[in-house]
């Protein structure tokens, strides 16, 4: 009998091991990743049936990773398991391609239920936050292409890495672009958002949930 394959992504190894104990036996765990870029590489190589990921991950956050995962692994069901109960995160996750959203504090009880739901072609949102979601979806228009802030995905990638303290040379290596291109993107971001300093960039990235402080 075919067991659905799962790729696990979280920047805390203890969380990954906890998920492994919950899921092993009923599912084939094909790999793990501890940052968003490693997740993309593993997903492309492994083409899993299900990808379990967090919102907050270094190098590339889960929301932006999800947008790329739906391009390279369109068959994969994306299940977010995260500490973030803010309905804006839930909304962004589903707009990026998620099939399920579970909070870490209830993952022991809900993760397998969420997996069964998405494999059956349904969506799943933890009951801990569903009561707040209807108003959010009814009261707001969909995100514009490139995000509500108008930034492209590449600009958001550069912004996250800058906020994490990476140098232009580091970012160039991670994204496989030149340092000059990194500086160009930084300048374009600052001009587009009317920001004056790196400190302003960091504040913007945090307030717009491109990175988190937890």
Protein backbone atom coordinates (compact mmCIF):
# COMPACT_ATOMS: atom_id res chain seq x y z
CA UNK A 1 0.00 0.00 0.00
CA UNK A 2 1.35 3.38 -1.02
CA UNK A 3 2.17 5.66 1.89
CA UNK A 4 1.94 9.41 1.16
CA UNK A 5 5.38 11.03 1.21
CA UNK A 6 6.04 13.98 3.51
CA UNK A 7 8.79 16.61 3.61
CA UNK A 8 9.16 18.37 6.98
CA UNK A 9 10.48 21.93 7.32
CA UNK A 10 11.04 23.81 10.56
CA UNK A 11 14.04 25.69 11.93
CA UNK A 12 13.83 23.79 15.24
CA UNK A 13 15.09 20.21 15.16
CA UNK A 14 13.03 19.31 18.22
CA UNK A 15 9.85 20.22 16.32
CA UNK A 16 10.94 18.10 13.35
CA UNK A 17 11.63 15.14 15.63
CA UNK A 18 8.25 15.59 17.29
CA UNK A 19 6.49 15.54 13.91
CA UNK A 20 8.53 12.48 12.93
CA UNK A 21 7.28 10.57 15.98
CA UNK A 22 3.67 11.53 15.21
CA UNK A 23 3.79 10.59 11.54
CA UNK A 24 6.22 7.72 11.08
CA UNK A 25 4.50 4.45 10.36
CA UNK A 26 1.53 5.86 8.46
CA UNK A 27 3.56 8.08 6.12
CA UNK A 28 6.91 8.02 4.33
CA UNK A 29 9.10 10.84 5.66
CA UNK A 30 11.36 11.62 2.73
CA UNK A 31 13.37 14.52 4.13
CA UNK A 32 13.72 17.51 6.43
CA UNK A 33 14.79 21.13 6.03
CA UNK A 34 15.62 23.84 8.56
CA UNK A 35 15.40 26.93 6.34
CA UNK A 36 13.27 28.10 3.43
CA UNK A 37 15.93 27.71 0.77
CA UNK A 38 16.85 24.19 1.81
CA UNK A 39 13.13 23.43 1.71
CA UNK A 40 12.89 24.55 -1.92
CA UNK A 41 15.88 22.46 -2.96
CA UNK A 42 14.63 19.37 -1.16
CA UNK A 43 11.12 19.76 -2.52
CA UNK A 44 12.36 20.05 -6.10
CA UNK A 45 14.46 16.90 -5.71
CA UNK A 46 11.99 14.80 -3.72
CA UNK A 47 8.60 15.93 -5.13
CA UNK A 48 6.69 14.90 -1.96
CA UNK A 49 2.94 14.49 -1.70
CA UNK A 50 2.79 16.74 1.37
CA UNK A 51 5.03 19.53 2.63
CA UNK A 52 4.75 20.59 6.27
CA UNK A 53 6.31 23.99 6.85
CA UNK A 54 6.40 26.93 9.26
CA UNK A 55 5.67 30.60 8.59
CA UNK A 56 8.89 31.73 10.27
CA UNK A 57 12.01 30.26 8.67
CA UNK A 58 15.46 31.75 8.02
CA UNK A 59 16.72 32.66 4.53
CA UNK A 60 13.19 32.46 3.06
CA UNK A 61 9.98 32.70 5.06
CA UNK A 62 7.27 30.09 4.65
CA UNK A 63 4.78 32.34 2.86
CA UNK A 64 7.22 33.30 0.12
CA UNK A 65 8.52 29.73 -0.04
CA UNK A 66 4.97 28.48 -0.56
CA UNK A 67 4.54 30.64 -3.66
CA UNK A 68 7.63 29.04 -5.18
CA UNK A 69 6.69 25.54 -4.04
CA UNK A 70 3.40 25.73 -5.92
CA UNK A 71 5.42 26.39 -9.07
CA UNK A 72 8.01 23.63 -8.67
CA UNK A 73 5.81 21.07 -6.87
CA UNK A 74 2.23 21.78 -7.97
CA UNK A 75 1.02 18.39 -6.78
CA UNK A 76 2.25 18.88 -3.21
CA UNK A 77 -0.23 19.79 -0.49
CA UNK A 78 1.15 22.51 1.78
CA UNK A 79 0.35 22.31 5.47
CA UNK A 80 1.48 25.20 7.66
CA UNK A 81 2.19 24.29 11.29
CA UNK A 82 3.13 27.44 13.15
CA UNK A 83 2.83 29.43 16.36
CA UNK A 84 1.27 32.40 14.53
CA UNK A 85 -2.46 32.65 15.22
CA UNK A 86 -2.84 36.06 13.52
CA UNK A 87 -5.53 35.78 10.85
CA UNK A 88 -3.38 37.82 8.46
CA UNK A 89 -0.84 35.01 8.42
CA UNK A 90 -3.59 32.49 7.73
CA UNK A 91 -4.92 34.57 4.87
CA UNK A 92 -1.46 35.04 3.37
CA UNK A 93 -0.70 31.33 3.67
CA UNK A 94 -3.82 30.27 1.76
CA UNK A 95 -3.27 32.94 -0.89
CA UNK A 96 0.26 31.53 -1.33
CA UNK A 97 -1.12 28.02 -1.90
CA UNK A 98 -1.64 26.38 1.49
CA UNK A 99 -4.15 23.60 1.94
CA UNK A 100 -4.09 23.58 5.74
CA UNK A 101 -3.10 25.76 8.70
CA UNK A 102 -2.47 24.27 12.15
CA UNK A 103 -1.10 25.87 15.31
CA UNK A 104 1.88 24.19 16.94
CA UNK A 105 0.14 24.09 20.31
CA UNK A 106 -2.55 21.83 18.85
CA UNK A 107 -0.44 19.93 16.31
CA UNK A 108 -0.35 16.70 18.32
CA UNK A 109 -4.14 16.51 18.13
CA UNK A 110 -4.73 18.05 14.70
CA UNK A 111 -1.83 17.31 12.36
CA UNK A 112 -2.99 13.88 11.21
CA UNK A 113 -6.54 15.22 10.82
CA UNK A 114 -5.22 18.01 8.61
CA UNK A 115 -3.21 15.54 6.50
CA UNK A 116 -6.23 13.31 5.96
CA UNK A 117 -8.31 16.34 4.97
CA UNK A 118 -5.86 17.62 2.35
CA UNK A 119 -5.27 14.16 0.89
CA UNK A 120 -9.05 13.92 0.42
CA UNK A 121 -9.00 17.20 -1.49
CA UNK A 122 -10.25 19.43 1.31
CA UNK A 123 -8.79 22.38 3.20
CA UNK A 124 -8.20 22.45 6.93
CA UNK A 125 -7.91 25.37 9.37
CA UNK A 126 -7.49 24.82 13.08
CA UNK A 127 -10.73 25.47 14.99
CA UNK A 128 -8.69 27.67 17.35
CA UNK A 129 -8.80 30.51 14.81
CA UNK A 130 -11.54 29.76 12.27
CA UNK A 131 -14.07 31.89 14.14
CA UNK A 132 -12.03 35.00 13.35
CA UNK A 133 -11.43 34.28 9.67
CA UNK A 134 -14.73 34.94 7.95
CA UNK A 135 -14.67 38.67 8.63
CA UNK A 136 -11.07 38.86 7.45
CA UNK A 137 -11.81 37.22 4.10
CA UNK A 138 -14.98 39.22 3.55
CA UNK A 139 -13.55 42.59 4.51
CA UNK A 140 -10.32 42.62 2.53
CA UNK A 141 -9.51 42.47 -1.15
CA UNK A 142 -7.01 39.87 -2.42
CA UNK A 143 -3.33 40.73 -2.37
CA UNK A 144 -2.04 42.48 -5.44
CA UNK A 145 0.50 40.63 -7.58
CA UNK A 146 3.84 40.91 -5.87
CA UNK A 147 2.20 41.22 -2.46
CA UNK A 148 0.15 43.94 -0.83
CA UNK A 149 3.28 46.08 -0.59
CA UNK A 150 3.89 45.88 -4.34
CA UNK A 151 7.28 44.21 -3.90
CA UNK A 152 8.26 41.39 -6.22
CA UNK A 153 9.16 38.00 -4.77
CA UNK A 154 12.85 38.63 -5.49
CA UNK A 155 12.67 41.97 -3.69
CA UNK A 156 11.05 40.28 -0.70
CA UNK A 157 13.81 37.64 -0.73
CA UNK A 158 16.48 40.33 -0.69
CA UNK A 159 14.65 42.28 2.01
CA UNK A 160 14.38 39.24 4.30
CA UNK A 161 18.06 38.44 3.92
CA UNK A 162 19.07 42.05 4.55
CA UNK A 163 16.92 42.08 7.66
CA UNK A 164 18.62 38.89 8.87
CA UNK A 165 21.94 40.76 8.73
CA UNK A 166 23.35 39.19 5.57
CA UNK A 167 25.87 41.17 3.55
CA UNK A 168 25.39 41.93 -0.13
CA UNK A 169 28.06 39.32 -0.91
CA UNK A 170 26.24 36.70 1.20
CA UNK A 171 22.92 37.49 -0.44
CA UNK A 172 24.46 37.32 -3.90
CA UNK A 173 25.78 33.82 -3.12
CA UNK A 174 22.46 32.62 -1.66
CA UNK A 175 20.36 33.95 -4.55
CA UNK A 176 22.95 33.22 -7.26
CA UNK A 177 23.03 36.83 -8.44
CA UNK A 178 25.74 39.50 -8.40
CA UNK A 179 26.43 41.82 -5.46
CA UNK A 180 25.66 44.71 -7.77
CA UNK A 181 22.21 43.26 -8.44
CA UNK A 182 21.63 42.91 -4.69
CA UNK A 183 22.50 46.58 -4.20
CA UNK A 184 20.22 47.49 -7.10
CA UNK A 185 17.32 45.63 -5.48
CA UNK A 186 18.03 47.27 -2.12
CA UNK A 187 18.01 50.69 -3.73
CA UNK A 188 14.80 49.96 -5.61
CA UNK A 189 13.11 48.72 -2.43
CA UNK A 190 14.11 51.82 -0.48
CA UNK A 191 13.01 54.13 -3.28
CA UNK A 192 9.73 52.29 -3.85
CA UNK A 193 8.86 52.23 -0.14
CA UNK A 194 10.30 55.68 0.56
CA UNK A 195 12.67 54.36 3.23
CA UNK A 196 15.85 56.13 4.28
CA UNK A 197 18.01 53.57 6.10
CA UNK A 198 18.68 49.91 6.81
CA UNK A 199 16.89 50.40 10.15
CA UNK A 200 13.81 51.51 8.22
CA UNK A 201 14.08 48.37 6.07
CA UNK A 202 14.16 46.17 9.16
CA UNK A 203 11.15 47.89 10.71
CA UNK A 204 9.25 47.53 7.45
CA UNK A 205 10.09 43.83 7.07
CA UNK A 206 8.89 43.09 10.60
CA UNK A 207 5.71 45.17 10.38
CA UNK A 208 4.78 43.57 7.03
CA UNK A 209 5.52 40.05 8.30
CA UNK A 210 8.34 39.34 5.84
CA UNK A 211 10.32 38.34 8.93
CA UNK A 212 9.15 37.80 12.48
CA UNK A 213 10.73 38.64 15.80
CA UNK A 214 10.07 35.20 17.30
